[in-house]
Each structure stands twice: as C-alpha cells, then as structure tokens.
Amino acid sequence: MAATNRQAVEKIAGDDRTLMFVYHFPYPGIGHWRARDRGGYDWQPVNWQFES
C-alpha cells in the first residue's frame, strides 16, 4: 500500500508541477517531480539561496 501511495503522489505532483519540500532529500530538499519520456519521474531541485 505504501508503494501505491508513493506512486500516486508522484503522479499528482509531477502532472501539476507542485513545489515540494522533502526532508530526506539533499539540501535544500525543495523541487519538483519531472516526468520522464519513458515513464517514471525524476527529481528536479530548485535553486534556492538563504539570505539573512
């Protein structure tokens, strides 16, 4: 059931280009899922710089 839920989230987020924050991804963990031509998804990180 966990794998099915992950696949559903990937599809929704990839189709809508939803900006996501993912704790267990490399810093900063902010980005989008991008659909691959042959199926599946790739993580596309967003360039982000913290300014104080």
Protein backbone atom coordinates (compact mmCIF):
# COMPACT_ATOMS: atom_id res chain seq x y z
CA MET A 1 0.00 0.00 0.00
CA ALA A 2 2.92 2.40 0.72
CA ALA A 3 4.34 1.92 -2.79
CA THR A 4 0.92 2.58 -4.33
CA ASN A 5 0.56 5.79 -2.29
CA ARG A 6 4.04 7.00 -3.30
CA GLN A 7 3.28 6.37 -6.97
CA ALA A 8 0.01 8.29 -6.69
CA VAL A 9 1.76 11.27 -5.05
CA GLU A 10 4.49 11.23 -7.72
CA LYS A 11 1.87 11.29 -10.46
CA ILE A 12 -0.14 14.13 -8.92
CA ALA A 13 2.93 16.22 -8.09
CA GLY A 14 4.56 15.51 -11.46
CA ASP A 15 1.49 16.35 -13.51
CA ASP A 16 0.80 19.58 -11.60
CA ARG A 17 4.48 20.61 -11.15
CA THR A 18 3.73 21.03 -7.45
CA LEU A 19 6.60 22.59 -5.50
CA MET A 20 7.60 20.10 -2.81
CA PHE A 21 9.74 20.23 0.32
CA VAL A 22 11.15 16.80 1.12
CA TYR A 23 13.04 16.33 4.41
CA HIS A 24 15.12 13.31 3.41
CA PHE A 25 16.39 14.71 0.09
CA PRO A 26 19.71 16.58 -0.19
CA TYR A 27 19.73 20.22 0.91
CA PRO A 28 17.61 22.21 0.38
CA GLY A 29 15.10 19.45 -0.48
CA ILE A 30 12.89 21.84 -2.46
CA GLY A 31 11.94 20.97 -6.01
CA HIS A 32 9.57 19.32 -8.47
CA TRP A 33 8.94 15.84 -9.84
CA ARG A 34 9.54 15.81 -13.60
CA ALA A 35 8.01 13.10 -15.79
CA ARG A 36 10.50 11.10 -17.88
CA ASP A 37 9.79 10.34 -21.54
CA ARG A 38 9.96 6.57 -20.91
CA GLY A 39 7.88 6.59 -17.75
CA GLY A 40 8.66 7.33 -14.15
CA TYR A 41 9.77 10.59 -12.59
CA ASP A 42 13.00 12.44 -11.80
CA TRP A 43 13.62 14.91 -9.01
CA GLN A 44 14.39 18.42 -10.25
CA PRO A 45 15.78 20.54 -7.39
CA VAL A 46 15.06 24.27 -7.27
CA ASN A 47 17.96 26.69 -6.90
CA TRP A 48 17.47 28.26 -3.51
CA GLN A 49 19.68 30.57 -1.52
CA PHE A 50 19.06 31.65 2.04
CA GLU A 51 19.57 35.36 2.60
CA SER A 52 19.67 36.91 6.04
